[in-house]
C-alpha atoms as a PDB file:
ATOM      1  CA  UNK A   1       0.000   0.000   0.000  1.00  0.00           C
ATOM      2  CA  UNK A   2       1.252   3.485  -0.794  1.00  0.00           C
ATOM      3  CA  UNK A   3       2.202   5.583   2.181  1.00  0.00           C
ATOM      4  CA  UNK A   4       1.291   9.289   2.025  1.00  0.00           C
ATOM      5  CA  UNK A   5       5.020  10.151   2.112  1.00  0.00           C
ATOM      6  CA  UNK A   6       5.852   7.832  -0.817  1.00  0.00           C
ATOM      7  CA  UNK A   7       2.844   9.029  -2.826  1.00  0.00           C
ATOM      8  CA  UNK A   8       3.799  12.689  -2.259  1.00  0.00           C
ATOM      9  CA  UNK A   9       7.455  12.025  -3.182  1.00  0.00           C
ATOM     10  CA  UNK A  10       6.437  10.212  -6.372  1.00  0.00           C
ATOM     11  CA  UNK A  11       4.006  12.987  -7.295  1.00  0.00           C
ATOM     12  CA  UNK A  12       6.760  15.585  -6.784  1.00  0.00           C
ATOM     13  CA  UNK A  13       9.206  13.525  -8.911  1.00  0.00           C
ATOM     14  CA  UNK A  14       6.636  13.134 -11.688  1.00  0.00           C
ATOM     15  CA  UNK A  15       5.761  16.824 -11.627  1.00  0.00           C
ATOM     16  CA  UNK A  16       9.437  17.798 -11.820  1.00  0.00           C
ATOM     17  CA  UNK A  17      10.091  15.377 -14.692  1.00  0.00           C
ATOM     18  CA  UNK A  18       7.118  16.639 -16.701  1.00  0.00           C
ATOM     19  CA  UNK A  19       8.174  20.253 -16.150  1.00  0.00           C
ATOM     20  CA  UNK A  20      11.542  19.747 -17.804  1.00  0.00           C
ATOM     21  CA  UNK A  21      12.383  23.455 -17.850  1.00  0.00           C
ATOM     22  CA  UNK A  22      13.009  23.209 -14.077  1.00  0.00           C
ATOM     23  CA  UNK A  23      14.474  19.691 -14.137  1.00  0.00           C
ATOM     24  CA  UNK A  24      18.155  18.995 -13.358  1.00  0.00           C
ATOM     25  CA  UNK A  25      18.579  16.121 -15.788  1.00  0.00           C
ATOM     26  CA  UNK A  26      22.285  15.601 -15.102  1.00  0.00           C
ATOM     27  CA  UNK A  27      21.463  14.964 -11.440  1.00  0.00           C
ATOM     28  CA  UNK A  28      18.563  12.751 -12.500  1.00  0.00           C
ATOM     29  CA  UNK A  29      20.875  10.477 -14.542  1.00  0.00           C
ATOM     30  CA  UNK A  30      23.499  10.408 -11.783  1.00  0.00           C
ATOM     31  CA  UNK A  31      20.837   9.447  -9.229  1.00  0.00           C
ATOM     32  CA  UNK A  32      19.528   6.669 -11.496  1.00  0.00           C
ATOM     33  CA  UNK A  33      23.003   5.190 -11.994  1.00  0.00           C
ATOM     34  CA  UNK A  34      23.775   5.393  -8.266  1.00  0.00           C
ATOM     35  CA  UNK A  35      20.467   3.697  -7.460  1.00  0.00           C
ATOM     36  CA  UNK A  36      21.239   0.967 -10.014  1.00  0.00           C
ATOM     37  CA  UNK A  37      24.615   0.285  -8.452  1.00  0.00           C
ATOM     38  CA  UNK A  38      23.031   0.122  -4.988  1.00  0.00           C
ATOM     39  CA  UNK A  39      20.179  -2.152  -6.073  1.00  0.00           C
ATOM     40  CA  UNK A  40      22.495  -4.523  -7.932  1.00  0.00           C
ATOM     41  CA  UNK A  41      24.962  -4.677  -5.032  1.00  0.00           C
ATOM     42  CA  UNK A  42      22.138  -5.441  -2.578  1.00  0.00           C
ATOM     43  CA  UNK A  43      20.826  -8.217  -4.823  1.00  0.00           C
ATOM     44  CA  UNK A  44      24.218  -9.642  -5.724  1.00  0.00           C
ATOM     45  CA  UNK A  45      23.556  -8.846  -9.397  1.00  0.00           C
ATOM     46  CA  UNK A  46      26.375  -7.787 -11.680  1.00  0.00           C
ATOM     47  CA  UNK A  47      25.972  -4.366 -13.304  1.00  0.00           C
ATOM     48  CA  UNK A  48      28.517  -4.756 -16.087  1.00  0.00           C
ATOM     49  CA  UNK A  49      29.869  -1.752 -17.979  1.00  0.00           C
ATOM     50  CA  UNK A  50      27.634  -2.602 -20.958  1.00  0.00           C
ATOM     51  CA  UNK A  51      24.517  -2.920 -18.801  1.00  0.00           C
ATOM     52  CA  UNK A  52      25.359   0.336 -17.055  1.00  0.00           C
ATOM     53  CA  UNK A  53      25.916   2.084 -20.398  1.00  0.00           C
ATOM     54  CA  UNK A  54      22.573   0.839 -21.745  1.00  0.00           C
ATOM     55  CA  UNK A  55      20.889   2.137 -18.588  1.00  0.00           C
ATOM     56  CA  UNK A  56      22.652   5.477 -18.983  1.00  0.00           C
ATOM     57  CA  UNK A  57      21.503   5.693 -22.611  1.00  0.00           C
ATOM     58  CA  UNK A  58      17.924   4.978 -21.529  1.00  0.00           C
ATOM     59  CA  UNK A  59      18.117   7.791 -18.984  1.00  0.00           C
ATOM     60  CA  UNK A  60      19.608  10.295 -21.492  1.00  0.00           C
ATOM     61  CA  UNK A  61      16.174  11.789 -21.980  1.00  0.00           C
ATOM     62  CA  UNK A  62      12.747  11.326 -20.479  1.00  0.00           C
ATOM     63  CA  UNK A  63      11.614   9.780 -23.719  1.00  0.00           C
ATOM     64  CA  UNK A  64      11.059   6.073 -24.211  1.00  0.00           C
ATOM     65  CA  UNK A  65      13.843   4.560 -26.298  1.00  0.00           C
ATOM     66  CA  UNK A  66      13.680   1.487 -28.499  1.00  0.00           C
ATOM     67  CA  UNK A  67      16.153  -1.389 -28.563  1.00  0.00           C
ATOM     68  CA  UNK A  68      17.436  -0.556 -32.043  1.00  0.00           C
ATOM     69  CA  UNK A  69      18.001   3.077 -31.094  1.00  0.00           C
ATOM     70  CA  UNK A  70      20.063   1.822 -28.166  1.00  0.00           C
ATOM     71  CA  UNK A  71      21.952  -0.469 -30.531  1.00  0.00           C
ATOM     72  CA  UNK A  72      22.786   2.463 -32.835  1.00  0.00           C
ATOM     73  CA  UNK A  73      24.106   4.492 -29.880  1.00  0.00           C
ATOM     74  CA  UNK A  74      26.231   1.553 -28.743  1.00  0.00           C
ATOM     75  CA  UNK A  75      27.533   0.851 -32.245  1.00  0.00           C
ATOM     76  CA  UNK A  76      28.705   4.466 -32.482  1.00  0.00           C
ATOM     77  CA  UNK A  77      30.843   3.795 -29.394  1.00  0.00           C
ATOM     78  CA  UNK A  78      31.639   0.097 -29.815  1.00  0.00           C
ATOM     79  CA  UNK A  79      31.743  -1.228 -33.343  1.00  0.00           C
ATOM     80  CA  UNK A  80      31.122  -4.834 -32.254  1.00  0.00           C
ATOM     81  CA  UNK A  81      27.806  -4.170 -30.526  1.00  0.00           C
ATOM     82  CA  UNK A  82      25.058  -6.497 -31.780  1.00  0.00           C
ATOM     83  CA  UNK A  83      21.328  -6.910 -31.065  1.00  0.00           C
ATOM     84  CA  UNK A  84      21.839  -9.766 -28.546  1.00  0.00           C
ATOM     85  CA  UNK A  85      24.076  -7.469 -26.482  1.00  0.00           C
ATOM     86  CA  UNK A  86      21.304  -4.891 -26.171  1.00  0.00           C
ATOM     87  CA  UNK A  87      18.527  -7.410 -25.581  1.00  0.00           C
ATOM     88  CA  UNK A  88      20.506  -9.215 -22.859  1.00  0.00           C
ATOM     89  CA  UNK A  89      21.204  -5.881 -21.145  1.00  0.00           C
ATOM     90  CA  UNK A  90      17.527  -4.865 -21.389  1.00  0.00           C
ATOM     91  CA  UNK A  91      16.424  -8.216 -19.969  1.00  0.00           C
ATOM     92  CA  UNK A  92      18.816  -7.848 -17.027  1.00  0.00           C
ATOM     93  CA  UNK A  93      17.763  -4.240 -16.366  1.00  0.00           C
ATOM     94  CA  UNK A  94      14.073  -5.231 -16.404  1.00  0.00           C
ATOM     95  CA  UNK A  95      14.674  -8.209 -14.110  1.00  0.00           C
ATOM     96  CA  UNK A  96      16.377  -5.899 -11.612  1.00  0.00           C
ATOM     97  CA  UNK A  97      13.521  -3.375 -11.797  1.00  0.00           C
ATOM     98  CA  UNK A  98      15.806  -0.665 -13.201  1.00  0.00           C
ATOM     99  CA  UNK A  99      13.730  -0.084 -16.335  1.00  0.00           C
ATOM    100  CA  UNK A 100      10.180  -0.593 -17.551  1.00  0.00           C
ATOM    101  CA  UNK A 101       8.967  -1.522 -21.010  1.00  0.00           C
ATOM    102  CA  UNK A 102       6.251   0.715 -22.414  1.00  0.00           C
ATOM    103  CA  UNK A 103       4.191  -1.779 -24.364  1.00  0.00           C
ATOM    104  CA  UNK A 104       2.364   0.448 -26.835  1.00  0.00           C
ATOM    105  CA  UNK A 105       5.641   2.060 -27.920  1.00  0.00           C
ATOM    106  CA  UNK A 106       7.777  -1.090 -27.691  1.00  0.00           C
ATOM    107  CA  UNK A 107      10.317   1.075 -25.898  1.00  0.00           C
ATOM    108  CA  UNK A 108      12.024   1.390 -22.519  1.00  0.00           C
ATOM    109  CA  UNK A 109      12.117   3.963 -19.721  1.00  0.00           C
ATOM    110  CA  UNK A 110      14.251   4.153 -16.627  1.00  0.00           C
ATOM    111  CA  UNK A 111      12.483   3.264 -13.379  1.00  0.00           C
ATOM    112  CA  UNK A 112      12.038   6.199 -11.016  1.00  0.00           C
ATOM    113  CA  UNK A 113      12.019   4.014  -7.882  1.00  0.00           C
ATOM    114  CA  UNK A 114      14.009   0.798  -8.429  1.00  0.00           C
ATOM    115  CA  UNK A 115      14.541   0.185  -4.706  1.00  0.00           C
ATOM    116  CA  UNK A 116      10.823  -0.576  -4.290  1.00  0.00           C
ATOM    117  CA  UNK A 117       9.461  -3.285  -6.621  1.00  0.00           C
ATOM    118  CA  UNK A 118       6.299  -2.063  -8.336  1.00  0.00           C
ATOM    119  CA  UNK A 119       4.368  -1.933 -11.573  1.00  0.00           C
ATOM    120  CA  UNK A 120       5.199   1.138 -13.647  1.00  0.00           C
ATOM    121  CA  UNK A 121       2.469   3.374 -15.003  1.00  0.00           C
ATOM    122  CA  UNK A 122       3.264   6.146 -17.463  1.00  0.00           C
ATOM    123  CA  UNK A 123       2.185   9.490 -18.805  1.00  0.00           C
ATOM    124  CA  UNK A 124       3.534   9.910 -22.351  1.00  0.00           C
ATOM    125  CA  UNK A 125       3.400  13.228 -24.211  1.00  0.00           C
ATOM    126  CA  UNK A 126       2.265  12.623 -27.779  1.00  0.00           C
ATOM    127  CA  UNK A 127       3.886  15.863 -28.971  1.00  0.00           C
ATOM    128  CA  UNK A 128       7.434  15.818 -27.560  1.00  0.00           C
ATOM    129  CA  UNK A 129       7.656  12.154 -26.594  1.00  0.00           C
ATOM    130  CA  UNK A 130       8.680  12.827 -22.991  1.00  0.00           C
ATOM    131  CA  UNK A 131       7.324  10.345 -20.485  1.00  0.00           C
ATOM    132  CA  UNK A 132       7.113  10.089 -16.734  1.00  0.00           C
ATOM    133  CA  UNK A 133       6.514   7.143 -14.460  1.00  0.00           C
ATOM    134  CA  UNK A 134       3.737   7.266 -11.901  1.00  0.00           C
ATOM    135  CA  UNK A 135       4.984   4.965  -9.158  1.00  0.00           C
ATOM    136  CA  UNK A 136       1.791   5.079  -7.134  1.00  0.00           C
ATOM    137  CA  UNK A 137       0.594   1.734  -5.779  1.00  0.00           C
ATOM    138  CA  UNK A 138      -2.991   3.029  -5.560  1.00  0.00           C
ATOM    139  CA  UNK A 139      -3.286   2.594  -9.339  1.00  0.00           C
ATOM    140  CA  UNK A 140      -2.303  -1.075  -9.132  1.00  0.00           C
ATOM    141  CA  UNK A 141      -4.537  -1.605  -6.083  1.00  0.00           C
ATOM    142  CA  UNK A 142      -7.525  -0.167  -7.963  1.00  0.00           C
ATOM    143  CA  UNK A 143      -6.869  -2.410 -10.974  1.00  0.00           C
ATOM    144  CA  UNK A 144      -6.501  -5.480  -8.723  1.00  0.00           C
ATOM    145  CA  UNK A 145      -9.623  -4.710  -6.702  1.00  0.00           C
ATOM    146  CA  UNK A 146     -11.729  -4.013  -9.789  1.00  0.00           C
ATOM    147  CA  UNK A 147     -10.468  -7.177 -11.477  1.00  0.00           C
ATOM    148  CA  UNK A 148     -11.216  -9.306  -8.424  1.00  0.00           C
ATOM    149  CA  UNK A 149     -14.699  -7.802  -8.087  1.00  0.00           C
ATOM    150  CA  UNK A 150     -15.417  -8.943 -11.647  1.00  0.00           C
ATOM    151  CA  UNK A 151     -13.987 -12.417 -11.027  1.00  0.00           C
ATOM    152  CA  UNK A 152     -11.046 -11.673 -13.303  1.00  0.00           C
ATOM    153  CA  UNK A 153      -7.579 -12.859 -12.273  1.00  0.00           C
ATOM    154  CA  UNK A 154      -5.215 -10.098 -13.392  1.00  0.00           C
ATOM    155  CA  UNK A 155      -1.753 -11.436 -14.230  1.00  0.00           C
ATOM    156  CA  UNK A 156      -0.140  -8.261 -15.456  1.00  0.00           C
ATOM    157  CA  UNK A 157      -1.169  -4.664 -15.825  1.00  0.00           C
ATOM    158  CA  UNK A 158       0.335  -1.488 -17.161  1.00  0.00           C
ATOM    159  CA  UNK A 159      -1.342   1.858 -17.465  1.00  0.00           C
ATOM    160  CA  UNK A 160       0.028   4.026 -20.257  1.00  0.00           C
ATOM    161  CA  UNK A 161      -1.648   7.389 -20.659  1.00  0.00           C
ATOM    162  CA  UNK A 162      -1.031   9.382 -23.826  1.00  0.00           C
ATOM    163  CA  UNK A 163      -1.610  13.124 -23.725  1.00  0.00           C
ATOM    164  CA  UNK A 164       0.125  16.501 -23.851  1.00  0.00           C
ATOM    165  CA  UNK A 165       2.608  17.668 -21.189  1.00  0.00           C
ATOM    166  CA  UNK A 166       2.561  21.126 -19.588  1.00  0.00           C
ATOM    167  CA  UNK A 167       5.534  22.377 -21.624  1.00  0.00           C
ATOM    168  CA  UNK A 168       3.907  21.420 -24.939  1.00  0.00           C
ATOM    169  CA  UNK A 169       0.546  22.870 -23.858  1.00  0.00           C
ATOM    170  CA  UNK A 170       2.303  26.216 -23.179  1.00  0.00           C
ATOM    171  CA  UNK A 171       3.773  26.223 -26.707  1.00  0.00           C
ATOM    172  CA  UNK A 172       0.387  25.593 -28.247  1.00  0.00           C
END
């Protein structure tokens, strides 16, 4: 269950990420990489340089990024990079809760709260492509409760909301 403190912190993080004019993205990426190192160390999982670089590339922007875009970035740096390299890294990062896959875009986003296992829910701007994770367990609880009330056994859920962010609405 979401605590009021966690819900407020996640709402503040989401608001800051959607208002990118006030967002310190360099700090955001540094925080994500530090959190990844901490999570992997706690779980005894190996965050290799390639996995870390793929995670860093995912966090470059608050836009979902596809596997082949990641491959192109890696090939610019490492000529031998191949699709299996990227897919293995993505699989590892998902297993560790460091990234989420946005189904309708077939793309990946960094997880805003990897220390706390959860289902990611997203707001995706259809104009600029920026996205933000809503790590609020009340969404998942509502889906689970509604499913159960209808006799439906939910196995997986993801809420992906497409719309227009505040910055794009200001532009017109």
